[in-house]
Amino acid sequence: MAARKDIDGSASVPQFYGKELRFKREEAGLTLEGLVEGSFYGVTYLSEIERGQRRMPLDLAQHVDRVLRTDGFFARGCEDVRKAKQGAHAAYFAPIAESEKRALAIERWSNALIPGLLQTATYARAVIRSTHPRDIPEEAQAKIDARLKRAELFETPKSPDYWVIMHEPLVRNFTITPVEMAEQLDHIAAFVQRGCATLQILPWNAPTQPFMELSMMFMEFADEPPLMYTEGPYHGQTIDDPFLVKQYRKAYDRLRAAALPPEASLALIEEAAEDYRHGQRP
């Protein structure tokens, strides 16, 4: 049996919350199985909350308060955990950033922007300046840092399989300087060459127009149903209905079938970067 890990409650609000949850559960003489019994959640889900790795949903917090007779303590505190885990991310995206860390596989169709997990700081700054022009420098930097930190999940032994399809205009058009765009494309190429991602480029005139207007991200997990996420500049929507996720997956597979092979896509990225470096438009 694996050794039981201590929880450092001083490290963060979620870990303090999780440590209290474990203390109260063990004080009541309950196992993880015993505490989730009668709820819609599993043992792994609750264990991750105790370790500060996951936020507590309100309905589960209310269930925990009833079982442990904690007079609403965990229901009252779960909003503080939500805010702490949100950080500089938009409220609608924070659960997705959290889910990325648990995903076994992430598949992405990007039609409007280079995916956040592949962005350089310069590209991220340009995007944030465009979408949130009234941010003070500290707010903008916090968003940039939060975006870049997401890519740290690829430095872990259990990094997810990451498959990205990007629309060709994202490579041909640019909102940053040519030199900066060369650095951005070099960053993507290095990411692919390290084996962190599989990349395909969908040609600008591919015959898949009905599906090209909507960004799509799919995630698969070890012990959760798959989900699909789509977003615009100021909103995001998570879809977990199995039928709808399956339908969108079919659309994604059609985009993948129309895209260039990974080897040709990488070559296109590298050639475009070289063109930008020499002051030429790809």
C-alpha atoms as a PDB file:
ATOM      1  CA  MET A   1       0.000   0.000   0.000  1.00  0.00           C
ATOM      2  CA  ALA A   2       1.295   3.470  -0.916  1.00  0.00           C
ATOM      3  CA  ALA A   3       2.353   5.654   1.981  1.00  0.00           C
ATOM      4  CA  ARG A   4      -0.236   8.154   3.121  1.00  0.00           C
ATOM      5  CA  LYS A   5       0.869  11.650   2.143  1.00  0.00           C
ATOM      6  CA  ASP A   6       0.613  14.520   4.580  1.00  0.00           C
ATOM      7  CA  ILE A   7      -1.194  17.648   3.414  1.00  0.00           C
ATOM      8  CA  ASP A   8       0.466  21.009   3.958  1.00  0.00           C
ATOM      9  CA  GLY A   9      -2.480  23.195   4.899  1.00  0.00           C
ATOM     10  CA  SER A  10      -0.311  26.322   4.838  1.00  0.00           C
ATOM     11  CA  ALA A  11       0.492  25.959   1.138  1.00  0.00           C
ATOM     12  CA  SER A  12      -2.814  27.233  -0.245  1.00  0.00           C
ATOM     13  CA  VAL A  13      -6.504  27.711   0.471  1.00  0.00           C
ATOM     14  CA  PRO A  14      -7.440  24.460  -1.369  1.00  0.00           C
ATOM     15  CA  GLN A  15      -4.904  22.464   0.644  1.00  0.00           C
ATOM     16  CA  PHE A  16      -6.060  23.963   3.950  1.00  0.00           C
ATOM     17  CA  TYR A  17      -9.625  23.071   2.987  1.00  0.00           C
ATOM     18  CA  GLY A  18      -8.592  19.555   1.965  1.00  0.00           C
ATOM     19  CA  LYS A  19      -6.647  19.003   5.181  1.00  0.00           C
ATOM     20  CA  GLU A  20      -9.685  19.986   7.237  1.00  0.00           C
ATOM     21  CA  LEU A  21     -11.827  17.650   5.167  1.00  0.00           C
ATOM     22  CA  ARG A  22      -9.491  14.715   5.775  1.00  0.00           C
ATOM     23  CA  PHE A  23      -9.269  15.540   9.496  1.00  0.00           C
ATOM     24  CA  LYS A  24     -13.038  15.639   9.904  1.00  0.00           C
ATOM     25  CA  ARG A  25     -13.533  12.485   7.842  1.00  0.00           C
ATOM     26  CA  GLU A  26     -10.991  10.504   9.848  1.00  0.00           C
ATOM     27  CA  GLU A  27     -12.297  11.955  13.113  1.00  0.00           C
ATOM     28  CA  ALA A  28     -15.689  10.523  12.163  1.00  0.00           C
ATOM     29  CA  GLY A  29     -14.064   7.149  11.454  1.00  0.00           C
ATOM     30  CA  LEU A  30     -15.033   7.191   7.777  1.00  0.00           C
ATOM     31  CA  THR A  31     -13.117   5.989   4.742  1.00  0.00           C
ATOM     32  CA  LEU A  32     -13.244   7.864   1.456  1.00  0.00           C
ATOM     33  CA  GLU A  33     -15.754   5.286   0.269  1.00  0.00           C
ATOM     34  CA  GLY A  34     -17.893   5.826   3.308  1.00  0.00           C
ATOM     35  CA  LEU A  35     -17.989   9.589   2.889  1.00  0.00           C
ATOM     36  CA  VAL A  36     -18.939   9.608  -0.810  1.00  0.00           C
ATOM     37  CA  GLU A  37     -21.582   6.927  -0.359  1.00  0.00           C
ATOM     38  CA  GLY A  38     -24.935   8.386  -1.318  1.00  0.00           C
ATOM     39  CA  SER A  39     -23.416  11.129  -3.480  1.00  0.00           C
ATOM     40  CA  PHE A  40     -22.838  11.214  -7.231  1.00  0.00           C
ATOM     41  CA  TYR A  41     -19.048  11.361  -6.830  1.00  0.00           C
ATOM     42  CA  GLY A  42     -16.292   8.774  -6.647  1.00  0.00           C
ATOM     43  CA  VAL A  43     -13.462   8.017  -4.247  1.00  0.00           C
ATOM     44  CA  THR A  44     -10.754   9.434  -6.523  1.00  0.00           C
ATOM     45  CA  TYR A  45     -12.675  12.699  -6.861  1.00  0.00           C
ATOM     46  CA  LEU A  46     -12.883  13.152  -3.081  1.00  0.00           C
ATOM     47  CA  SER A  47      -9.245  12.142  -2.598  1.00  0.00           C
ATOM     48  CA  GLU A  48      -8.144  14.855  -5.030  1.00  0.00           C
ATOM     49  CA  ILE A  49     -10.178  17.431  -3.104  1.00  0.00           C
ATOM     50  CA  GLU A  50      -8.471  16.377   0.132  1.00  0.00           C
ATOM     51  CA  ARG A  51      -5.075  16.854  -1.504  1.00  0.00           C
ATOM     52  CA  GLY A  52      -6.013  20.313  -2.772  1.00  0.00           C
ATOM     53  CA  GLN A  53      -5.905  19.224  -6.412  1.00  0.00           C
ATOM     54  CA  ARG A  54      -9.564  19.758  -7.175  1.00  0.00           C
ATOM     55  CA  ARG A  55     -12.323  22.141  -6.186  1.00  0.00           C
ATOM     56  CA  MET A  56     -15.311  21.017  -4.123  1.00  0.00           C
ATOM     57  CA  PRO A  57     -18.673  21.188  -5.929  1.00  0.00           C
ATOM     58  CA  LEU A  58     -21.416  22.735  -3.804  1.00  0.00           C
ATOM     59  CA  ASP A  59     -23.666  19.661  -3.897  1.00  0.00           C
ATOM     60  CA  LEU A  60     -20.814  17.433  -2.682  1.00  0.00           C
ATOM     61  CA  ALA A  61     -19.904  19.958   0.022  1.00  0.00           C
ATOM     62  CA  GLN A  62     -23.511  19.902   1.233  1.00  0.00           C
ATOM     63  CA  HIS A  63     -23.463  16.095   1.248  1.00  0.00           C
ATOM     64  CA  VAL A  64     -20.203  16.118   3.266  1.00  0.00           C
ATOM     65  CA  ASP A  65     -21.662  18.583   5.779  1.00  0.00           C
ATOM     66  CA  ARG A  66     -24.702  16.339   6.274  1.00  0.00           C
ATOM     67  CA  VAL A  67     -22.646  13.174   6.761  1.00  0.00           C
ATOM     68  CA  LEU A  68     -19.970  14.765   8.977  1.00  0.00           C
ATOM     69  CA  ARG A  69     -22.441  17.093  10.751  1.00  0.00           C
ATOM     70  CA  THR A  70     -20.151  20.054  10.197  1.00  0.00           C
ATOM     71  CA  ASP A  71     -22.927  22.677  10.206  1.00  0.00           C
ATOM     72  CA  GLY A  72     -22.345  23.948   6.657  1.00  0.00           C
ATOM     73  CA  PHE A  73     -18.586  24.494   7.093  1.00  0.00           C
ATOM     74  CA  PHE A  74     -17.566  22.844   3.816  1.00  0.00           C
ATOM     75  CA  ALA A  75     -20.425  24.372   1.832  1.00  0.00           C
ATOM     76  CA  ARG A  76     -19.441  27.835   3.058  1.00  0.00           C
ATOM     77  CA  GLY A  77     -15.763  27.285   2.276  1.00  0.00           C
ATOM     78  CA  CYS A  78     -16.046  25.780  -1.195  1.00  0.00           C
ATOM     79  CA  GLU A  79     -16.514  29.219  -2.797  1.00  0.00           C
ATOM     80  CA  ASP A  80     -13.205  30.382  -1.277  1.00  0.00           C
ATOM     81  CA  VAL A  81     -11.519  27.323  -2.791  1.00  0.00           C
ATOM     82  CA  ARG A  82     -13.113  28.055  -6.174  1.00  0.00           C
ATOM     83  CA  LYS A  83     -11.778  31.622  -6.141  1.00  0.00           C
ATOM     84  CA  ALA A  84      -8.322  30.497  -5.028  1.00  0.00           C
ATOM     85  CA  LYS A  85      -8.081  27.883  -7.774  1.00  0.00           C
ATOM     86  CA  GLN A  86      -9.394  30.295 -10.391  1.00  0.00           C
ATOM     87  CA  GLY A  87      -6.402  32.599 -10.000  1.00  0.00           C
ATOM     88  CA  ALA A  88      -5.999  34.890 -13.015  1.00  0.00           C
ATOM     89  CA  HIS A  89      -8.028  32.639 -15.308  1.00  0.00           C
ATOM     90  CA  ALA A  90     -11.503  33.693 -16.392  1.00  0.00           C
ATOM     91  CA  ALA A  91     -14.179  32.060 -14.241  1.00  0.00           C
ATOM     92  CA  TYR A  92     -15.522  30.040 -17.171  1.00  0.00           C
ATOM     93  CA  PHE A  93     -12.056  28.701 -18.065  1.00  0.00           C
ATOM     94  CA  ALA A  94     -10.639  27.925 -14.606  1.00  0.00           C
ATOM     95  CA  PRO A  95     -12.283  24.453 -14.403  1.00  0.00           C
ATOM     96  CA  ILE A  96     -10.799  23.600 -17.806  1.00  0.00           C
ATOM     97  CA  ALA A  97      -7.291  24.643 -16.727  1.00  0.00           C
ATOM     98  CA  GLU A  98      -7.776  22.415 -13.690  1.00  0.00           C
ATOM     99  CA  SER A  99      -9.040  19.519 -15.827  1.00  0.00           C
ATOM    100  CA  GLU A 100      -6.001  19.703 -18.123  1.00  0.00           C
ATOM    101  CA  LYS A 101      -3.844  18.506 -15.239  1.00  0.00           C
ATOM    102  CA  ARG A 102      -5.924  15.314 -14.892  1.00  0.00           C
ATOM    103  CA  ALA A 103      -6.432  14.587 -18.583  1.00  0.00           C
ATOM    104  CA  LEU A 104      -4.995  11.506 -20.240  1.00  0.00           C
ATOM    105  CA  ALA A 105      -5.545  13.033 -23.682  1.00  0.00           C
ATOM    106  CA  ILE A 106      -6.271  16.532 -24.979  1.00  0.00           C
ATOM    107  CA  GLU A 107      -7.308  17.152 -28.576  1.00  0.00           C
ATOM    108  CA  ARG A 108      -7.715  20.681 -29.890  1.00  0.00           C
ATOM    109  CA  TRP A 109      -9.034  22.406 -33.017  1.00  0.00           C
ATOM    110  CA  SER A 110      -7.867  26.021 -33.134  1.00  0.00           C
ATOM    111  CA  ASN A 111      -9.472  28.271 -35.699  1.00  0.00           C
ATOM    112  CA  ALA A 112      -8.830  31.772 -34.316  1.00  0.00           C
ATOM    113  CA  LEU A 113      -5.772  31.690 -32.047  1.00  0.00           C
ATOM    114  CA  ILE A 114      -2.732  29.535 -31.450  1.00  0.00           C
ATOM    115  CA  PRO A 115      -3.698  27.278 -28.498  1.00  0.00           C
ATOM    116  CA  GLY A 116      -2.842  28.671 -25.076  1.00  0.00           C
ATOM    117  CA  LEU A 117      -0.674  25.659 -24.239  1.00  0.00           C
ATOM    118  CA  LEU A 118       1.547  26.515 -27.227  1.00  0.00           C
ATOM    119  CA  GLN A 119       1.728  30.291 -26.876  1.00  0.00           C
ATOM    120  CA  THR A 120       4.863  32.263 -26.117  1.00  0.00           C
ATOM    121  CA  ALA A 121       4.689  35.136 -23.645  1.00  0.00           C
ATOM    122  CA  THR A 122       4.824  37.657 -26.499  1.00  0.00           C
ATOM    123  CA  TYR A 123       1.908  36.074 -28.343  1.00  0.00           C
ATOM    124  CA  ALA A 124      -0.101  35.735 -25.128  1.00  0.00           C
ATOM    125  CA  ARG A 125       0.529  39.397 -24.306  1.00  0.00           C
ATOM    126  CA  ALA A 126      -0.737  40.474 -27.724  1.00  0.00           C
ATOM    127  CA  VAL A 127      -3.901  38.405 -27.327  1.00  0.00           C
ATOM    128  CA  ILE A 128      -4.597  39.699 -23.821  1.00  0.00           C
ATOM    129  CA  ARG A 129      -3.894  43.299 -24.845  1.00  0.00           C
ATOM    130  CA  SER A 130      -6.409  42.891 -27.675  1.00  0.00           C
ATOM    131  CA  THR A 131      -9.180  41.249 -25.639  1.00  0.00           C
ATOM    132  CA  HIS A 132      -8.651  43.141 -22.361  1.00  0.00           C
ATOM    133  CA  PRO A 133      -7.239  46.549 -23.346  1.00  0.00           C
ATOM    134  CA  ARG A 134      -8.228  48.161 -20.036  1.00  0.00           C
ATOM    135  CA  ASP A 135      -6.226  45.747 -17.872  1.00  0.00           C
ATOM    136  CA  ILE A 136      -3.562  47.409 -15.758  1.00  0.00           C
ATOM    137  CA  PRO A 137      -0.053  45.951 -16.340  1.00  0.00           C
ATOM    138  CA  GLU A 138      -0.218  43.794 -13.193  1.00  0.00           C
ATOM    139  CA  GLU A 139      -3.531  42.232 -14.256  1.00  0.00           C
ATOM    140  CA  ALA A 140      -2.276  41.539 -17.772  1.00  0.00           C
ATOM    141  CA  GLN A 141       0.956  39.983 -16.471  1.00  0.00           C
ATOM    142  CA  ALA A 142      -0.974  37.730 -14.075  1.00  0.00           C
ATOM    143  CA  LYS A 143      -3.029  36.419 -17.011  1.00  0.00           C
ATOM    144  CA  ILE A 144       0.092  35.853 -19.091  1.00  0.00           C
ATOM    145  CA  ASP A 145       1.795  33.998 -16.236  1.00  0.00           C
ATOM    146  CA  ALA A 146      -1.284  31.835 -15.648  1.00  0.00           C
ATOM    147  CA  ARG A 147      -1.444  30.945 -19.332  1.00  0.00           C
ATOM    148  CA  LEU A 148       2.230  30.000 -19.552  1.00  0.00           C
ATOM    149  CA  LYS A 149       2.075  27.991 -16.323  1.00  0.00           C
ATOM    150  CA  ARG A 150      -0.493  25.672 -17.875  1.00  0.00           C
ATOM    151  CA  ALA A 151       2.208  24.265 -20.170  1.00  0.00           C
ATOM    152  CA  GLU A 152       4.111  22.971 -17.134  1.00  0.00           C
ATOM    153  CA  LEU A 153       1.890  19.880 -17.243  1.00  0.00           C
ATOM    154  CA  PHE A 154       4.058  18.656 -20.150  1.00  0.00           C
ATOM    155  CA  GLU A 155       7.082  18.593 -17.836  1.00  0.00           C
ATOM    156  CA  THR A 156       5.483  15.885 -15.680  1.00  0.00           C
ATOM    157  CA  PRO A 157       5.925  12.113 -16.186  1.00  0.00           C
ATOM    158  CA  LYS A 158       2.176  11.704 -16.758  1.00  0.00           C
ATOM    159  CA  SER A 159       1.729  14.451 -19.324  1.00  0.00           C
ATOM    160  CA  PRO A 160      -1.320  14.005 -21.548  1.00  0.00           C
ATOM    161  CA  ASP A 161      -1.308  12.963 -25.180  1.00  0.00           C
ATOM    162  CA  TYR A 162      -1.806  16.298 -26.943  1.00  0.00           C
ATOM    163  CA  TRP A 163      -3.108  16.511 -30.510  1.00  0.00           C
ATOM    164  CA  VAL A 164      -3.605  19.912 -32.138  1.00  0.00           C
ATOM    165  CA  ILE A 165      -5.161  20.878 -35.452  1.00  0.00           C
ATOM    166  CA  MET A 166      -4.490  24.515 -36.373  1.00  0.00           C
ATOM    167  CA  HIS A 167      -6.032  26.453 -39.229  1.00  0.00           C
ATOM    168  CA  GLU A 168      -3.429  27.561 -41.785  1.00  0.00           C
ATOM    169  CA  PRO A 169      -4.236  31.309 -41.504  1.00  0.00           C
ATOM    170  CA  LEU A 170      -2.894  31.195 -37.928  1.00  0.00           C
ATOM    171  CA  VAL A 171       0.508  30.531 -39.458  1.00  0.00           C
ATOM    172  CA  ARG A 172       0.211  32.901 -42.434  1.00  0.00           C
ATOM    173  CA  ASN A 173      -1.285  35.922 -40.650  1.00  0.00           C
ATOM    174  CA  PHE A 174       0.222  37.588 -37.609  1.00  0.00           C
ATOM    175  CA  THR A 175      -0.570  40.225 -35.002  1.00  0.00           C
ATOM    176  CA  ILE A 176       2.973  40.366 -33.628  1.00  0.00           C
ATOM    177  CA  THR A 177       6.171  41.329 -35.432  1.00  0.00           C
ATOM    178  CA  PRO A 178       7.695  38.892 -37.960  1.00  0.00           C
ATOM    179  CA  VAL A 179      10.636  38.205 -35.638  1.00  0.00           C
ATOM    180  CA  GLU A 180       8.262  37.466 -32.753  1.00  0.00           C
ATOM    181  CA  MET A 181       6.142  35.279 -35.021  1.00  0.00           C
ATOM    182  CA  ALA A 182       9.245  33.317 -36.000  1.00  0.00           C
ATOM    183  CA  GLU A 183       9.927  32.760 -32.292  1.00  0.00           C
ATOM    184  CA  GLN A 184       6.331  31.626 -31.772  1.00  0.00           C
ATOM    185  CA  LEU A 185       6.522  29.100 -34.606  1.00  0.00           C
ATOM    186  CA  ASP A 186       9.952  27.907 -33.441  1.00  0.00           C
ATOM    187  CA  HIS A 187       8.379  27.337 -30.021  1.00  0.00           C
ATOM    188  CA  ILE A 188       5.634  25.185 -31.551  1.00  0.00           C
ATOM    189  CA  ALA A 189       8.136  23.236 -33.661  1.00  0.00           C
ATOM    190  CA  ALA A 190      10.342  22.532 -30.630  1.00  0.00           C
ATOM    191  CA  PHE A 191       7.285  21.402 -28.696  1.00  0.00           C
ATOM    192  CA  VAL A 192       6.415  18.916 -31.446  1.00  0.00           C
ATOM    193  CA  GLN A 193      10.002  17.734 -31.872  1.00  0.00           C
ATOM    194  CA  ARG A 194      10.229  16.969 -28.138  1.00  0.00           C
ATOM    195  CA  GLY A 195       7.269  14.636 -28.543  1.00  0.00           C
ATOM    196  CA  CYS A 196       4.958  16.775 -26.412  1.00  0.00           C
ATOM    197  CA  ALA A 197       2.362  17.179 -29.150  1.00  0.00           C
ATOM    198  CA  THR A 198       1.143  15.937 -32.499  1.00  0.00           C
ATOM    199  CA  LEU A 199       0.391  18.847 -34.832  1.00  0.00           C
ATOM    200  CA  GLN A 200      -1.620  19.064 -38.019  1.00  0.00           C
ATOM    201  CA  ILE A 201      -2.327  22.119 -40.151  1.00  0.00           C
ATOM    202  CA  LEU A 202      -5.703  22.383 -41.843  1.00  0.00           C
ATOM    203  CA  PRO A 203      -5.310  24.153 -45.225  1.00  0.00           C
ATOM    204  CA  TRP A 204      -7.206  27.422 -45.525  1.00  0.00           C
ATOM    205  CA  ASN A 205      -9.402  26.041 -48.330  1.00  0.00           C
ATOM    206  CA  ALA A 206     -10.184  22.643 -46.777  1.00  0.00           C
ATOM    207  CA  PRO A 207     -13.753  21.445 -47.544  1.00  0.00           C
ATOM    208  CA  THR A 208     -14.881  21.409 -43.900  1.00  0.00           C
ATOM    209  CA  GLN A 209     -16.358  24.900 -43.570  1.00  0.00           C
ATOM    210  CA  PRO A 210     -19.358  24.036 -41.317  1.00  0.00           C
ATOM    211  CA  PHE A 211     -17.025  22.911 -38.530  1.00  0.00           C
ATOM    212  CA  MET A 212     -14.323  25.541 -38.930  1.00  0.00           C
ATOM    213  CA  GLU A 213     -16.088  28.401 -37.144  1.00  0.00           C
ATOM    214  CA  LEU A 214     -16.151  26.735 -33.733  1.00  0.00           C
ATOM    215  CA  SER A 215     -13.092  26.056 -31.587  1.00  0.00           C
ATOM    216  CA  MET A 216     -13.114  22.605 -29.999  1.00  0.00           C
ATOM    217  CA  MET A 217     -11.167  20.972 -27.187  1.00  0.00           C
ATOM    218  CA  PHE A 218     -11.727  17.389 -26.088  1.00  0.00           C
ATOM    219  CA  MET A 219     -10.395  15.812 -22.907  1.00  0.00           C
ATOM    220  CA  GLU A 220     -10.342  12.191 -21.793  1.00  0.00           C
ATOM    221  CA  PHE A 221      -9.711  11.047 -18.227  1.00  0.00           C
ATOM    222  CA  ALA A 222      -8.963   7.865 -16.321  1.00  0.00           C
ATOM    223  CA  ASP A 223     -12.075   7.923 -14.146  1.00  0.00           C
ATOM    224  CA  GLU A 224     -14.336  10.630 -15.602  1.00  0.00           C
ATOM    225  CA  PRO A 225     -16.457  10.858 -18.737  1.00  0.00           C
ATOM    226  CA  PRO A 226     -14.933  12.773 -21.651  1.00  0.00           C
ATOM    227  CA  LEU A 227     -15.855  16.401 -22.186  1.00  0.00           C
ATOM    228  CA  MET A 228     -15.771  18.984 -24.944  1.00  0.00           C
ATOM    229  CA  TYR A 229     -15.066  22.684 -24.467  1.00  0.00           C
ATOM    230  CA  THR A 230     -15.590  25.599 -26.819  1.00  0.00           C
ATOM    231  CA  GLU A 231     -15.081  29.303 -26.290  1.00  0.00           C
ATOM    232  CA  GLY A 232     -15.136  32.817 -27.672  1.00  0.00           C
ATOM    233  CA  PRO A 233     -13.179  35.863 -26.512  1.00  0.00           C
ATOM    234  CA  TYR A 234     -15.378  36.398 -23.437  1.00  0.00           C
ATOM    235  CA  HIS A 235     -17.213  33.143 -22.790  1.00  0.00           C
ATOM    236  CA  GLY A 236     -16.703  29.417 -22.667  1.00  0.00           C
ATOM    237  CA  GLN A 237     -18.988  26.392 -22.661  1.00  0.00           C
ATOM    238  CA  THR A 238     -18.293  22.902 -21.367  1.00  0.00           C
ATOM    239  CA  ILE A 239     -20.286  20.064 -22.929  1.00  0.00           C
ATOM    240  CA  ASP A 240     -20.345  16.715 -21.146  1.00  0.00           C
ATOM    241  CA  ASP A 241     -23.499  15.176 -22.603  1.00  0.00           C
ATOM    242  CA  PRO A 242     -22.171  11.890 -24.099  1.00  0.00           C
ATOM    243  CA  PHE A 243     -24.280  12.161 -27.256  1.00  0.00           C
ATOM    244  CA  LEU A 244     -23.191  15.725 -28.018  1.00  0.00           C
ATOM    245  CA  VAL A 245     -19.539  14.999 -27.232  1.00  0.00           C
ATOM    246  CA  LYS A 246     -19.705  12.074 -29.664  1.00  0.00           C
ATOM    247  CA  GLN A 247     -21.233  14.276 -32.376  1.00  0.00           C
ATOM    248  CA  TYR A 248     -18.559  16.925 -31.991  1.00  0.00           C
ATOM    249  CA  ARG A 249     -15.871  14.254 -31.997  1.00  0.00           C
ATOM    250  CA  LYS A 250     -17.088  13.159 -35.427  1.00  0.00           C
ATOM    251  CA  ALA A 251     -16.742  16.756 -36.634  1.00  0.00           C
ATOM    252  CA  TYR A 252     -13.217  16.901 -35.193  1.00  0.00           C
ATOM    253  CA  ASP A 253     -12.310  13.645 -36.929  1.00  0.00           C
ATOM    254  CA  ARG A 254     -13.430  15.120 -40.253  1.00  0.00           C
ATOM    255  CA  LEU A 255     -11.174  18.122 -39.663  1.00  0.00           C
ATOM    256  CA  ARG A 256      -8.303  15.769 -38.835  1.00  0.00           C
ATOM    257  CA  ALA A 257      -8.894  13.772 -42.023  1.00  0.00           C
ATOM    258  CA  ALA A 258      -8.759  16.981 -44.107  1.00  0.00           C
ATOM    259  CA  ALA A 259      -5.602  18.299 -42.422  1.00  0.00           C
ATOM    260  CA  LEU A 260      -2.031  17.864 -43.626  1.00  0.00           C
ATOM    261  CA  PRO A 261      -0.095  14.900 -42.161  1.00  0.00           C
ATOM    262  CA  PRO A 262       1.992  15.681 -39.040  1.00  0.00           C
ATOM    263  CA  GLU A 263       5.314  15.576 -40.930  1.00  0.00           C
ATOM    264  CA  ALA A 264       4.113  18.003 -43.609  1.00  0.00           C
ATOM    265  CA  SER A 265       2.539  20.230 -40.952  1.00  0.00           C
ATOM    266  CA  LEU A 266       5.803  20.483 -39.028  1.00  0.00           C
ATOM    267  CA  ALA A 267       7.669  21.295 -42.233  1.00  0.00           C
ATOM    268  CA  LEU A 268       5.157  24.060 -42.992  1.00  0.00           C
ATOM    269  CA  ILE A 269       5.668  25.552 -39.527  1.00  0.00           C
ATOM    270  CA  GLU A 270       9.456  25.450 -39.859  1.00  0.00           C
ATOM    271  CA  GLU A 271       9.415  26.979 -43.344  1.00  0.00           C
ATOM    272  CA  ALA A 272       7.070  29.764 -42.232  1.00  0.00           C
ATOM    273  CA  ALA A 273       9.331  30.543 -39.266  1.00  0.00           C
ATOM    274  CA  GLU A 274      12.310  30.804 -41.594  1.00  0.00           C
ATOM    275  CA  ASP A 275      10.403  33.149 -43.898  1.00  0.00           C
ATOM    276  CA  TYR A 276       9.467  35.407 -40.983  1.00  0.00           C
ATOM    277  CA  ARG A 277      13.090  35.490 -39.842  1.00  0.00           C
ATOM    278  CA  HIS A 278      14.122  36.795 -43.257  1.00  0.00           C
ATOM    279  CA  GLY A 279      11.390  39.416 -43.383  1.00  0.00           C
ATOM    280  CA  GLN A 280       9.242  37.513 -45.851  1.00  0.00           C
ATOM    281  CA  ARG A 281       5.540  36.808 -45.486  1.00  0.00           C
ATOM    282  CA  PRO A 282       4.959  33.030 -45.649  1.00  0.00           C
END
